[in-house]
Structures are given as structure tokens and as C-alpha cells.
Protein backbone atom coordinates (compact mmCIF):
# COMPACT_ATOMS: atom_id res chain seq x y z
CA MET A 1 0.05 0.20 -0.31
CA ARG A 2 1.21 3.45 -1.56
CA ARG A 3 0.74 6.06 1.03
CA SER A 4 0.54 9.50 -0.99
CA LEU A 5 1.79 13.36 1.18
CA SER A 6 -0.50 15.93 0.65
CA PRO A 7 0.73 18.99 -1.19
CA LEU A 8 2.11 20.96 2.72
CA ALA A 9 3.65 17.89 3.32
CA SER A 10 5.35 17.69 0.58
CA PHE A 11 5.97 21.00 0.38
CA ALA A 12 7.32 21.22 3.70
CA ALA A 13 9.83 18.39 2.76
CA VAL A 14 11.03 20.20 0.12
CA ALA A 15 11.66 23.22 1.79
CA ALA A 16 13.72 21.09 4.36
CA ALA A 17 15.58 19.44 2.46
CA LEU A 18 16.89 22.81 0.56
CA LEU A 19 17.76 24.73 4.20
CA VAL A 20 19.83 20.88 5.14
CA SER A 21 21.45 21.27 1.43
CA SER A 22 22.46 25.35 2.14
CA ALA A 23 23.42 25.64 5.30
CA PRO A 24 27.32 23.87 4.65
CA ALA A 25 27.32 26.98 2.72
CA ALA A 26 26.59 29.32 5.10
CA ALA A 27 29.01 28.09 7.78
CA ALA A 28 31.52 28.59 5.52
CA SER A 29 31.44 31.69 4.74
CA PRO A 30 34.71 33.55 5.41
CA ALA A 31 33.17 36.54 7.33
CA THR A 32 33.85 35.03 10.65
CA PRO A 33 34.13 37.78 13.38
CA LEU A 34 38.05 38.56 14.49
CA ALA A 35 38.99 37.77 17.94
CA VAL A 36 38.99 40.25 20.43
CA ALA A 37 40.56 40.93 23.77
CA ASP A 38 38.34 41.35 26.78
CA TYR A 39 38.21 45.36 27.44
CA THR A 40 39.21 45.86 23.62
CA VAL A 41 37.13 49.06 23.07
CA PHE A 42 34.48 49.05 19.98
CA ILE A 43 33.73 51.89 18.33
CA ASP A 44 31.21 52.12 15.25
CA PRO A 45 32.08 54.88 13.22
CA PRO A 46 28.40 55.09 11.26
CA THR A 47 26.71 56.12 14.91
CA GLN A 48 29.36 56.49 16.59
CA PHE A 49 28.09 53.83 19.77
CA VAL A 50 30.43 52.60 21.94
CA PHE A 51 30.82 48.74 22.77
CA VAL A 52 33.44 47.09 25.67
CA LYS A 53 34.00 43.50 25.21
CA LEU A 54 33.25 42.92 28.93
CA PRO A 55 34.16 38.56 30.16
CA GLN A 56 30.17 38.72 30.17
CA GLY A 57 30.01 39.74 26.22
CA TRP A 58 29.95 43.40 24.50
CA LYS A 59 28.19 46.03 26.42
CA PHE A 60 26.86 48.86 25.30
CA ALA A 61 28.96 52.42 26.85
CA GLY A 62 27.35 55.24 25.37
CA LYS A 63 27.80 57.46 22.51
CA ALA A 64 31.34 59.54 20.94
CA ASP A 65 31.08 62.79 20.88
CA GLY A 66 32.65 65.00 17.77
CA THR A 67 34.55 62.98 15.24
CA LEU A 68 36.98 60.36 15.67
CA PRO A 69 40.75 60.69 15.54
CA ALA A 70 43.24 59.66 13.09
CA ALA A 71 45.40 57.46 15.42
CA LEU A 72 43.44 55.19 18.19
CA PRO A 73 45.11 53.50 20.80
CA ALA A 74 45.63 49.94 20.50
CA ASN A 75 42.70 48.75 22.47
CA VAL A 76 39.76 50.54 20.05
CA VAL A 77 38.64 48.78 17.28
CA THR A 78 36.88 50.35 14.50
CA ARG A 79 35.05 46.77 12.66
CA LEU A 80 35.18 43.79 13.93
CA LEU A 81 35.40 41.63 10.76
CA PRO A 82 37.92 41.19 8.37
CA ALA A 83 38.85 43.60 5.80
CA ASP A 84 37.95 42.49 2.42
CA ALA A 85 40.51 41.10 -0.01
CA GLU A 86 41.16 43.51 -3.04
């Protein structure tokens, strides 16, 4: 006795198969975050929001006033992803 699937069940099975087959491609993404030490300060240039990396995770610290100086201290970063290879 052959059992047929409803159209909804067939759609769900196909969608699940597509999600599973695309998962390795997403995992192999080259945009992996850089490793940063605790107490590193991150300033988001577009918004000027300031975050500090604590042992428990990232903590919002406020908003920077004015423009960013040309030379920042070593523990201040403005990007958390590696630069694009050009």
C-alpha cells in the first residue's frame, strides 16, 4: 500500500531539504568575526556607538561625541570583521 503526502507535507519536505543542503555554504562564510581581548573598546563609525568587550560579553557604553581621531589607542577598534580581500 503506497501512501501519498499532502501538498503541504510535500512542500515542507522540499523546504527542509533545501535548508539542509544550504547549511554548509552558510557555515563556510569567510566573514568570521575577529577574536578580540577582554576590555577592548569598539566604536561603530556610522553611529558613533561605543561598546566594551567584557568577560561576560559586549556591553553598550554610550555614544562618542565629535569625530574619531586619526590615531586610536591599541585597545580601540572600529571593525570586528576582517578586511575584504581586494
